[in-house]
Amino acid sequence: MQPSRPEDKSWTVASAKAKLSEVIERAQATPQTIMRNGKPSVVVVSAEEWQRKTARKGTLAEFLMQSPLRGADLDLERQRDEPRDLQL
């Protein structure tokens, strides 16, 4: 299932191995899917795309402040159990 046109984005493992440079080149423009046993296995993306997708979007505090549960009157009770004895 080697791509025959530039807009094709799927590769078999064998064709991706044989044409890795082409897979990398095409991944600069659009994600490339590598299929294993007829099913999508991995996607190759440019480093720029990966950084954009994995960049941190704010702090943990900002995330918690935007929670839909903020301000909810939750009745949370802390367990007061004794610590368990760990034998190493």
Protein backbone atom coordinates (compact mmCIF):
# COMPACT_ATOMS: atom_id res chain seq x y z
CA MET A 1 0.00 0.00 0.00
CA GLN A 2 2.71 2.46 -0.97
CA PRO A 3 1.44 5.96 -1.67
CA SER A 4 1.13 6.65 -5.37
CA ARG A 5 0.17 10.33 -5.13
CA PRO A 6 1.54 13.10 -2.87
CA GLU A 7 -1.82 13.38 -1.10
CA ASP A 8 -1.70 9.68 -0.06
CA LYS A 9 -0.80 9.31 3.59
CA SER A 10 -0.73 5.55 4.35
CA TRP A 11 2.21 3.18 4.15
CA THR A 12 2.74 -0.49 4.92
CA VAL A 13 5.61 -1.23 7.30
CA ALA A 14 7.61 -2.70 4.41
CA SER A 15 7.09 0.28 2.10
CA ALA A 16 7.83 2.74 4.94
CA LYS A 17 11.10 0.90 5.68
CA ALA A 18 12.06 0.89 2.03
CA LYS A 19 11.26 4.57 1.53
CA LEU A 20 11.89 6.08 4.96
CA SER A 21 13.35 9.27 3.51
CA GLU A 22 10.16 9.81 1.50
CA VAL A 23 7.98 9.11 4.55
CA ILE A 24 9.94 11.73 6.50
CA GLU A 25 9.76 14.23 3.66
CA ARG A 26 6.00 13.84 3.29
CA ALA A 27 5.53 14.02 7.07
CA GLN A 28 6.88 17.58 6.93
CA ALA A 29 3.65 18.54 5.13
CA THR A 30 1.08 16.08 6.47
CA PRO A 31 1.03 13.20 9.00
CA GLN A 32 1.92 9.80 7.52
CA THR A 33 0.22 6.65 8.82
CA ILE A 34 2.10 3.37 8.90
CA MET A 35 -0.16 0.34 8.73
CA ARG A 36 0.57 -3.05 10.32
CA ASN A 37 -1.61 -6.01 9.36
CA GLY A 38 -3.99 -3.64 7.58
CA LYS A 39 -4.57 -1.48 10.66
CA PRO A 40 -3.10 1.93 11.57
CA SER A 41 -0.10 1.34 13.84
CA VAL A 42 1.82 4.63 14.08
CA VAL A 43 1.71 8.15 12.70
CA VAL A 44 4.82 10.02 11.63
CA VAL A 45 4.60 13.79 12.06
CA SER A 46 7.09 16.62 11.70
CA ALA A 47 9.01 17.74 14.78
CA GLU A 48 7.27 21.11 14.52
CA GLU A 49 3.83 19.47 14.57
CA TRP A 50 4.82 17.25 17.51
CA GLN A 51 6.02 20.25 19.54
CA ARG A 52 2.86 22.17 18.73
CA LYS A 53 0.65 19.26 19.82
CA THR A 54 2.57 18.51 23.03
CA ALA A 55 3.28 22.05 24.20
CA ARG A 56 2.09 22.84 27.70
CA LYS A 57 -0.99 25.01 27.67
CA GLY A 58 -0.90 26.73 31.04
CA THR A 59 -0.11 25.63 34.57
CA LEU A 60 -1.75 22.99 36.72
CA ALA A 61 -3.23 25.78 38.84
CA GLU A 62 -4.83 27.36 35.75
CA PHE A 63 -6.22 23.98 34.72
CA LEU A 64 -7.75 23.43 38.16
CA MET A 65 -9.17 26.96 38.24
CA GLN A 66 -11.00 26.25 34.96
CA SER A 67 -12.46 22.96 36.22
CA PRO A 68 -16.23 22.61 35.91
CA LEU A 69 -16.15 21.33 39.50
CA ARG A 70 -14.70 24.60 40.80
CA GLY A 71 -17.14 26.08 43.24
CA ALA A 72 -19.14 22.86 43.49
CA ASP A 73 -19.99 22.06 47.07
CA LEU A 74 -18.38 18.63 47.18
CA ASP A 75 -18.45 16.79 50.48
CA LEU A 76 -15.08 15.08 50.47
CA GLU A 77 -14.07 13.19 53.55
CA ARG A 78 -10.44 12.23 54.12
CA GLN A 79 -9.77 8.68 55.19
CA ARG A 80 -8.05 8.49 58.55
CA ASP A 81 -6.83 4.90 58.29
CA GLU A 82 -3.55 3.93 59.88
CA PRO A 83 -0.71 3.34 57.43
CA ARG A 84 -0.27 -0.27 56.48
CA ASP A 85 2.79 -2.19 57.54
CA LEU A 86 5.09 -2.76 54.58
CA GLN A 87 7.51 -5.60 54.90
CA LEU A 88 10.46 -5.29 52.58
